[in-house]
């Protein structure tokens, strides 16, 4: 019995190391932000922030506010500070939600994951009419990219606005949908799809172990189709996590789920009862923590930040964000990530099929050898029957004479 407790204890250790290692001490690591302005004072401000940050931030200057908005929508930066009275550039000044409107927050002290209260929709770009300068300090953020990163950037730049004697106006150039104000609903959608996928691996591998590998693979693909439909229903009509692009989300959900199920089905051939622990390590411990759904890689240590660049959970979360909120910018790279994990799953099933074929051949050969050895052993232990004496014509005549003598 004690040996069966090894698996849950290893899960406990693994989950603790993964989650606490990834989320316990979030801090910016080379988080890219910008100061808007082409003046000497803007450049000095950017350099000063860089020097004080000590590597936590990567501060650049951009000449125009519209350039900063574009970089936020491309996730090249995660905050842009427009100092009071500094020119914010020419060209289009809208904060960019598709119709010249921006979400503006009047509470500069928001922390954690909560959205600042007092939000209002405001047309225009936060500058005084006609003067080409910022009437008050303004911070541009993109909550859809990461609410936690937006909150961290806001905490960094709020003291700068206070030094200018004005409240900081926060403008969200890429807001999330109303029913998912923090944008973390996509992460919890990832959790639901992942659990449905890797839990099904145990059923297909255990109850379906007697089936040929090709049928188990077909079951895995069919199950991924059902899981992806359930996830899409959660994202759309049930919880309204997205307001458009459901077909694209379904496609990414299927790629993600099918990759997990095929990899897990192939691994079961080799791991057997350790399969659950294996898929949990791959698709929970390392996957959820590196997905960027809670903290982006710029807020994590180097290990999880590196995993974010190619792990399948990151491909799903960032792919959905790109598809829903950023007009598909960078989407192809995330789709390639999901497709490559699906290819790995197909290859894993192929390797498992070869291993099972060799195992069956070896078992059949062993059974044949055992049968031959058993037959030889039986033949060696059972004695052969003694041969009967062969009677000739002389013996028959003698026997007849004896019978006649007895009769007399």
Protein backbone atom coordinates (compact mmCIF):
# COMPACT_ATOMS: atom_id res chain seq x y z
CA UNK A 1 0.00 0.00 0.00
CA UNK A 2 2.77 2.43 0.89
CA UNK A 3 4.25 2.15 -2.58
CA UNK A 4 1.00 3.47 -4.06
CA UNK A 5 1.44 6.68 -2.04
CA UNK A 6 4.59 7.53 -3.98
CA UNK A 7 2.61 8.96 -6.92
CA UNK A 8 0.49 11.49 -4.96
CA UNK A 9 3.51 12.54 -2.92
CA UNK A 10 5.49 13.19 -6.09
CA UNK A 11 2.54 15.17 -7.45
CA UNK A 12 2.52 17.26 -4.28
CA UNK A 13 6.24 17.98 -4.56
CA UNK A 14 6.04 18.72 -8.28
CA UNK A 15 3.05 21.05 -7.98
CA UNK A 16 4.63 22.92 -5.09
CA UNK A 17 7.92 23.41 -6.89
CA UNK A 18 6.25 24.45 -10.15
CA UNK A 19 3.60 26.82 -8.86
CA UNK A 20 5.60 28.44 -6.10
CA UNK A 21 8.67 28.63 -8.31
CA UNK A 22 6.69 30.37 -11.02
CA UNK A 23 4.26 32.55 -9.08
CA UNK A 24 5.61 33.12 -5.57
CA UNK A 25 7.85 36.12 -6.27
CA UNK A 26 6.76 37.85 -9.48
CA UNK A 27 9.02 40.71 -10.48
CA UNK A 28 9.76 42.44 -13.77
CA UNK A 29 12.76 41.20 -15.72
CA UNK A 30 13.64 43.51 -18.62
CA UNK A 31 9.99 44.50 -18.98
CA UNK A 32 9.80 46.76 -22.08
CA UNK A 33 8.11 50.13 -21.59
CA UNK A 34 8.35 53.49 -23.35
CA UNK A 35 8.42 57.19 -22.67
CA UNK A 36 6.61 59.19 -25.34
CA UNK A 37 8.37 62.28 -26.62
CA UNK A 38 11.26 63.38 -28.77
CA UNK A 39 12.54 66.16 -26.52
CA UNK A 40 15.72 66.07 -24.52
CA UNK A 41 13.73 65.85 -21.28
CA UNK A 42 11.93 62.68 -22.48
CA UNK A 43 15.24 61.03 -23.30
CA UNK A 44 16.69 61.99 -19.92
CA UNK A 45 13.59 60.66 -18.16
CA UNK A 46 13.87 57.32 -19.98
CA UNK A 47 17.56 57.04 -19.11
CA UNK A 48 16.89 57.91 -15.48
CA UNK A 49 14.21 55.22 -15.18
CA UNK A 50 16.52 52.70 -16.81
CA UNK A 51 19.32 53.48 -14.39
CA UNK A 52 17.09 53.22 -11.33
CA UNK A 53 15.40 50.02 -12.51
CA UNK A 54 18.66 48.08 -12.57
CA UNK A 55 17.60 45.74 -15.34
CA UNK A 56 14.00 45.31 -14.23
CA UNK A 57 12.81 47.55 -17.06
CA UNK A 58 13.89 48.24 -20.63
CA UNK A 59 12.85 51.83 -21.24
CA UNK A 60 12.86 53.28 -24.74
CA UNK A 61 11.61 56.54 -26.18
CA UNK A 62 9.10 56.82 -29.00
CA UNK A 63 8.47 60.09 -30.76
CA UNK A 64 4.71 59.83 -31.18
CA UNK A 65 1.82 58.62 -29.11
CA UNK A 66 0.39 56.73 -32.07
CA UNK A 67 3.68 54.82 -32.35
CA UNK A 68 3.40 53.82 -28.71
CA UNK A 69 -0.15 52.59 -29.31
CA UNK A 70 1.01 50.44 -32.23
CA UNK A 71 3.83 48.95 -30.17
CA UNK A 72 1.40 48.13 -27.37
CA UNK A 73 -0.90 46.38 -29.83
CA UNK A 74 2.07 44.40 -31.15
CA UNK A 75 3.10 43.60 -27.55
CA UNK A 76 6.52 45.11 -28.15
CA UNK A 77 6.00 47.19 -25.00
CA UNK A 78 3.62 46.88 -22.05
CA UNK A 79 3.30 50.49 -21.01
CA UNK A 80 3.94 53.95 -22.47
CA UNK A 81 4.24 57.07 -20.34
CA UNK A 82 3.27 60.44 -21.82
CA UNK A 83 4.70 63.18 -19.57
CA UNK A 84 2.66 66.27 -18.82
CA UNK A 85 3.31 69.11 -21.24
CA UNK A 86 5.50 67.01 -23.56
CA UNK A 87 4.53 66.72 -27.20
CA UNK A 88 2.95 63.37 -27.92
CA UNK A 89 3.50 63.43 -31.62
CA UNK A 90 1.58 64.00 -34.75
CA UNK A 91 -0.65 61.70 -36.67
CA UNK A 92 -3.61 59.81 -35.39
CA UNK A 93 -4.03 60.17 -31.68
CA UNK A 94 -6.79 57.73 -30.91
CA UNK A 95 -6.04 55.20 -28.23
CA UNK A 96 -7.16 52.49 -30.51
CA UNK A 97 -10.15 50.32 -29.99
CA UNK A 98 -11.18 50.48 -33.62
CA UNK A 99 -13.39 53.59 -33.47
CA UNK A 100 -11.17 56.26 -32.01
CA UNK A 101 -12.15 55.54 -28.41
CA UNK A 102 -10.06 54.53 -25.46
CA UNK A 103 -10.84 53.18 -22.06
CA UNK A 104 -9.66 55.69 -19.44
CA UNK A 105 -9.28 54.98 -15.77
CA UNK A 106 -9.47 57.69 -13.19
CA UNK A 107 -7.92 55.72 -10.32
CA UNK A 108 -4.15 55.81 -10.52
CA UNK A 109 -3.55 53.66 -7.44
CA UNK A 110 -4.89 50.31 -8.65
CA UNK A 111 -2.75 47.36 -7.63
CA UNK A 112 -2.80 43.60 -8.00
CA UNK A 113 -5.13 42.14 -10.56
CA UNK A 114 -8.13 44.42 -9.98
CA UNK A 115 -9.09 46.82 -12.72
CA UNK A 116 -9.00 50.47 -11.62
CA UNK A 117 -12.45 51.79 -10.82
CA UNK A 118 -13.97 54.90 -12.31
CA UNK A 119 -13.44 53.81 -15.90
CA UNK A 120 -15.04 55.87 -18.61
CA UNK A 121 -15.07 55.86 -22.36
CA UNK A 122 -13.40 58.88 -23.82
CA UNK A 123 -12.98 59.86 -27.43
CA UNK A 124 -9.72 61.59 -28.31
CA UNK A 125 -6.23 60.84 -27.14
CA UNK A 126 -5.75 62.55 -23.78
CA UNK A 127 -4.23 65.78 -25.08
CA UNK A 128 -5.52 69.29 -24.74
CA UNK A 129 -7.40 70.33 -27.85
CA UNK A 130 -5.14 71.86 -30.38
CA UNK A 131 -2.02 72.34 -28.26
CA UNK A 132 -0.26 69.10 -29.20
CA UNK A 133 0.79 68.49 -25.59
CA UNK A 134 -0.41 66.21 -22.82
CA UNK A 135 -2.69 68.11 -20.46
CA UNK A 136 -1.98 65.58 -17.68
CA UNK A 137 0.48 62.69 -17.42
CA UNK A 138 -0.93 59.69 -19.21
CA UNK A 139 -0.06 56.01 -19.10
CA UNK A 140 -0.98 53.80 -22.05
CA UNK A 141 -1.47 50.10 -21.29
CA UNK A 142 -2.94 47.04 -23.00
CA UNK A 143 -4.83 45.02 -20.43
CA UNK A 144 -5.63 42.29 -22.94
CA UNK A 145 -1.91 41.47 -23.18
CA UNK A 146 -1.60 41.05 -19.41
CA UNK A 147 -3.54 42.68 -16.62
CA UNK A 148 -0.76 41.97 -14.12
CA UNK A 149 1.86 43.63 -16.31
CA UNK A 150 -0.41 46.65 -16.75
CA UNK A 151 -0.81 46.90 -12.99
CA UNK A 152 2.94 46.69 -12.42
CA UNK A 153 3.61 49.38 -15.02
CA UNK A 154 0.97 51.58 -13.41
CA UNK A 155 2.62 51.23 -10.00
CA UNK A 156 5.96 52.21 -11.54
CA UNK A 157 4.76 55.37 -13.29
CA UNK A 158 2.26 56.67 -10.72
CA UNK A 159 5.04 58.29 -8.59
CA UNK A 160 6.35 60.07 -11.70
CA UNK A 161 2.95 61.62 -12.30
CA UNK A 162 2.78 62.66 -8.66
CA UNK A 163 6.08 64.51 -9.08
CA UNK A 164 4.45 66.54 -11.85
CA UNK A 165 1.65 67.48 -9.50
CA UNK A 166 -1.12 65.84 -11.52
CA UNK A 167 -3.09 62.60 -11.31
CA UNK A 168 -2.07 59.87 -13.71
CA UNK A 169 -4.61 59.11 -16.41
CA UNK A 170 -4.52 55.46 -17.47
CA UNK A 171 -5.71 54.67 -21.00
CA UNK A 172 -6.33 51.06 -21.99
CA UNK A 173 -5.66 50.76 -25.72
CA UNK A 174 -6.59 47.04 -25.85
CA UNK A 175 -9.33 46.40 -23.27
CA UNK A 176 -10.77 42.98 -22.63
CA UNK A 177 -14.43 42.05 -22.93
CA UNK A 178 -16.73 43.16 -20.13
CA UNK A 179 -17.27 39.62 -18.80
CA UNK A 180 -13.53 39.00 -18.47
CA UNK A 181 -12.18 42.24 -17.00
CA UNK A 182 -8.74 40.86 -16.07
CA UNK A 183 -8.28 38.80 -19.23
CA UNK A 184 -7.41 35.76 -17.13
CA UNK A 185 -10.48 33.85 -18.23
CA UNK A 186 -8.42 32.52 -21.14
CA UNK A 187 -6.00 30.96 -18.64
CA UNK A 188 -8.79 29.20 -16.77
CA UNK A 189 -10.19 28.03 -20.08
CA UNK A 190 -6.75 26.50 -20.69
CA UNK A 191 -7.03 24.73 -17.32
CA UNK A 192 -10.43 23.23 -18.19
CA UNK A 193 -9.33 21.98 -21.60
CA UNK A 194 -6.09 20.58 -20.18
CA UNK A 195 -7.82 18.62 -17.42
CA UNK A 196 -10.36 17.20 -19.85
CA UNK A 197 -7.51 16.13 -22.13
CA UNK A 198 -4.98 14.59 -19.78
CA UNK A 199 -7.64 12.92 -17.60
CA UNK A 200 -8.95 11.18 -20.72
CA UNK A 201 -5.47 9.77 -21.32
CA UNK A 202 -5.80 7.59 -18.20
CA UNK A 203 -9.12 6.18 -19.44
CA UNK A 204 -7.93 5.50 -22.98
CA UNK A 205 -4.64 4.02 -21.80
CA UNK A 206 -6.11 1.96 -18.97
CA UNK A 207 -9.55 0.73 -20.04
CA UNK A 208 -8.52 0.73 -23.70
CA UNK A 209 -5.20 -1.05 -23.21
CA UNK A 210 -6.54 -4.19 -24.88
CA UNK A 211 -7.35 -2.23 -28.05
CA UNK A 212 -4.87 -1.81 -30.90
CA UNK A 213 -2.88 1.41 -30.79
CA UNK A 214 -4.59 2.73 -33.92
CA UNK A 215 -8.01 2.50 -32.23
CA UNK A 216 -6.68 4.20 -29.11
CA UNK A 217 -5.28 7.00 -31.28
CA UNK A 218 -8.65 7.36 -33.00
CA UNK A 219 -10.33 7.59 -29.59
CA UNK A 220 -7.83 10.28 -28.60
CA UNK A 221 -8.61 12.36 -31.67
CA UNK A 222 -12.36 11.97 -31.15
CA UNK A 223 -12.08 12.90 -27.48
CA UNK A 224 -10.08 16.01 -28.34
CA UNK A 225 -12.88 17.07 -30.67
CA UNK A 226 -15.42 16.81 -27.84
CA UNK A 227 -13.15 18.56 -25.33
CA UNK A 228 -12.51 21.43 -27.73
CA UNK A 229 -16.25 21.88 -28.31
CA UNK A 230 -16.85 22.02 -24.56
CA UNK A 231 -14.08 24.61 -24.19
CA UNK A 232 -15.52 26.72 -27.00
CA UNK A 233 -18.95 26.62 -25.38
CA UNK A 234 -17.42 27.85 -22.11
CA UNK A 235 -15.59 30.67 -23.90
CA UNK A 236 -18.60 31.81 -25.91
CA UNK A 237 -22.22 31.28 -24.97
CA UNK A 238 -21.67 30.14 -21.36
CA UNK A 239 -19.24 32.67 -19.86
CA UNK A 240 -18.73 35.17 -22.73
CA UNK A 241 -14.94 35.22 -22.37
CA UNK A 242 -14.67 36.27 -26.02
CA UNK A 243 -17.15 38.19 -28.13
CA UNK A 244 -15.95 37.09 -31.58
CA UNK A 245 -13.67 34.60 -33.31
CA UNK A 246 -15.13 31.45 -31.72
CA UNK A 247 -14.29 29.25 -34.72
CA UNK A 248 -10.66 30.28 -34.53
CA UNK A 249 -10.65 29.61 -30.79
CA UNK A 250 -12.17 26.17 -31.40
CA UNK A 251 -9.44 25.33 -33.91
CA UNK A 252 -6.71 26.24 -31.43
CA UNK A 253 -8.50 24.33 -28.65
CA UNK A 254 -8.63 21.21 -30.83
CA UNK A 255 -4.94 21.45 -31.79
CA UNK A 256 -4.02 21.89 -28.15
CA UNK A 257 -6.22 19.06 -26.83
CA UNK A 258 -5.30 16.61 -29.61
CA UNK A 259 -1.60 17.17 -28.96
CA UNK A 260 -2.01 16.35 -25.26
CA UNK A 261 -4.17 13.27 -25.88
CA UNK A 262 -1.91 11.78 -28.55
CA UNK A 263 1.26 12.40 -26.54
CA UNK A 264 -0.35 10.88 -23.44
CA UNK A 265 -1.67 7.87 -25.38
CA UNK A 266 1.78 7.19 -26.76
CA UNK A 267 3.46 7.66 -23.37
CA UNK A 268 1.12 5.14 -21.72
CA UNK A 269 2.81 2.33 -23.66
CA UNK A 270 6.05 3.10 -21.83
CA UNK A 271 5.01 4.66 -18.50
CA UNK A 272 2.00 2.45 -17.65
CA UNK A 273 0.81 3.40 -14.14
CA UNK A 274 3.15 6.40 -14.09
CA UNK A 275 1.38 7.97 -17.08
CA UNK A 276 -0.80 10.25 -14.95
CA UNK A 277 2.23 11.66 -13.18
CA UNK A 278 4.02 12.11 -16.51
CA UNK A 279 1.22 14.01 -18.22
CA UNK A 280 0.65 16.13 -15.12
CA UNK A 281 4.31 17.14 -15.14
CA UNK A 282 4.15 18.06 -18.82
CA UNK A 283 0.73 19.65 -19.07
CA UNK A 284 0.11 21.05 -15.57
CA UNK A 285 3.32 21.68 -13.67
CA UNK A 286 5.35 23.05 -16.57
CA UNK A 287 2.44 24.07 -18.76
CA UNK A 288 0.17 26.25 -16.63
CA UNK A 289 3.09 28.02 -15.02
CA UNK A 290 4.71 29.01 -18.33
CA UNK A 291 1.54 29.84 -20.27
CA UNK A 292 1.59 33.57 -19.52
CA UNK A 293 -2.03 33.45 -18.41
CA UNK A 294 -1.28 34.90 -14.97
CA UNK A 295 2.18 36.43 -15.35
CA UNK A 296 3.89 37.07 -18.64
CA UNK A 297 7.46 35.76 -19.07
CA UNK A 298 8.81 39.26 -18.38
CA UNK A 299 7.45 38.84 -14.84
CA UNK A 300 8.97 35.38 -14.24
CA UNK A 301 12.38 33.83 -13.80
CA UNK A 302 14.44 32.65 -16.73
CA UNK A 303 13.35 29.00 -16.61
CA UNK A 304 9.61 29.61 -17.02
CA UNK A 305 10.24 32.54 -19.35
CA UNK A 306 12.20 30.19 -21.63
CA UNK A 307 9.43 27.57 -21.57
CA UNK A 308 6.94 30.24 -22.63
CA UNK A 309 8.63 30.53 -26.01
CA UNK A 310 7.71 27.00 -27.15
CA UNK A 311 5.38 25.25 -24.68
CA UNK A 312 1.90 24.34 -25.91
CA UNK A 313 -0.04 26.15 -23.17
CA UNK A 314 1.70 29.41 -24.07
CA UNK A 315 0.87 28.76 -27.71
CA UNK A 316 -2.81 28.44 -26.85
CA UNK A 317 -3.07 31.44 -24.48
CA UNK A 318 -1.05 33.80 -26.65
CA UNK A 319 -2.75 32.52 -29.78
CA UNK A 320 -6.22 33.25 -28.39
CA UNK A 321 -5.11 36.69 -27.21
CA UNK A 322 -3.68 37.49 -30.61
CA UNK A 323 -6.78 36.22 -32.40
CA UNK A 324 -9.32 37.96 -30.18
CA UNK A 325 -7.65 41.21 -29.10
CA UNK A 326 -4.72 42.03 -31.39
CA UNK A 327 -6.09 41.49 -34.89
CA UNK A 328 -4.13 38.27 -35.39
CA UNK A 329 -0.70 39.86 -34.96
CA UNK A 330 1.82 37.07 -34.31
CA UNK A 331 -0.90 34.42 -34.56
CA UNK A 332 0.93 32.26 -37.12
CA UNK A 333 3.82 31.63 -34.74
CA UNK A 334 1.47 30.42 -31.99
CA UNK A 335 -0.37 28.17 -34.44
CA UNK A 336 2.94 26.62 -35.47
CA UNK A 337 3.69 25.93 -31.82
CA UNK A 338 0.39 24.07 -31.38
CA UNK A 339 0.84 22.22 -34.68
CA UNK A 340 4.34 21.06 -33.73
CA UNK A 341 3.07 19.63 -30.45
CA UNK A 342 0.40 17.78 -32.42
CA UNK A 343 3.13 16.37 -34.69
CA UNK A 344 5.03 15.26 -31.58
CA UNK A 345 1.87 13.46 -30.49
CA UNK A 346 1.56 11.67 -33.82
CA UNK A 347 5.22 10.64 -33.66
CA UNK A 348 4.79 9.42 -30.09
CA UNK A 349 1.88 7.21 -31.13
CA UNK A 350 4.00 5.85 -34.00
CA UNK A 351 6.87 5.02 -31.65
CA UNK A 352 4.43 3.35 -29.26
CA UNK A 353 2.99 1.26 -32.12
CA UNK A 354 6.47 0.01 -33.06
CA UNK A 355 7.28 -0.78 -29.45
CA UNK A 356 4.02 -2.71 -28.98
CA UNK A 357 4.59 -4.64 -32.21
CA UNK A 358 8.06 -5.67 -31.08
CA UNK A 359 6.71 -6.55 -27.67
CA UNK A 360 4.01 -8.78 -29.17
CA UNK A 361 6.57 -10.47 -31.42
CA UNK A 362 8.87 -11.07 -28.48
CA UNK A 363 5.98 -12.42 -26.39
CA UNK A 364 4.87 -14.75 -29.21
CA UNK A 365 8.43 -16.03 -29.66
CA UNK A 366 8.80 -16.51 -25.93
CA UNK A 367 5.50 -18.42 -25.80
CA UNK A 368 6.59 -20.67 -28.65
CA UNK A 369 9.91 -21.36 -26.96
CA UNK A 370 8.15 -22.10 -23.68
CA UNK A 371 5.81 -24.55 -25.40
CA UNK A 372 8.74 -26.34 -27.03
CA UNK A 373 10.58 -26.59 -23.72
CA UNK A 374 7.47 -27.92 -21.99
CA UNK A 375 6.96 -30.57 -24.65
CA UNK A 376 10.58 -31.68 -24.34
CA UNK A 377 10.26 -31.89 -20.56
CA UNK A 378 7.15 -34.03 -20.79
CA UNK A 379 8.82 -36.35 -23.27
CA UNK A 380 11.82 -36.77 -20.98
CA UNK A 381 9.82 -37.67 -17.85
CA UNK A 382 7.24 -40.13 -19.28
CA UNK A 383 8.80 -43.66 -19.97
CA UNK A 384 8.19 -45.34 -23.31
CA UNK A 385 5.94 -48.49 -23.20
CA UNK A 386 7.79 -51.92 -23.39
CA UNK A 387 7.44 -53.68 -26.79
CA UNK A 388 5.21 -56.81 -26.92
CA UNK A 389 6.92 -60.17 -27.83
CA UNK A 390 6.45 -61.28 -31.41
CA UNK A 391 5.03 -64.74 -31.81
CA UNK A 392 6.15 -67.04 -34.56
CA UNK A 393 4.58 -70.24 -36.04
CA UNK A 394 6.72 -72.53 -33.85
CA UNK A 395 5.48 -70.89 -30.67
CA UNK A 396 1.88 -71.36 -31.79
CA UNK A 397 2.41 -75.08 -32.39
CA UNK A 398 3.98 -75.65 -28.98
CA UNK A 399 1.08 -73.82 -27.34
CA UNK A 400 -1.45 -76.09 -29.11
CA UNK A 401 0.38 -79.25 -27.93
CA UNK A 402 0.34 -78.00 -24.33
CA UNK A 403 -3.39 -77.30 -24.52
CA UNK A 404 -4.04 -80.84 -25.82
CA UNK A 405 -1.95 -82.34 -23.01
CA UNK A 406 -3.83 -80.38 -20.41
CA UNK A 407 -7.12 -81.44 -21.96
CA UNK A 408 -6.11 -85.11 -21.73
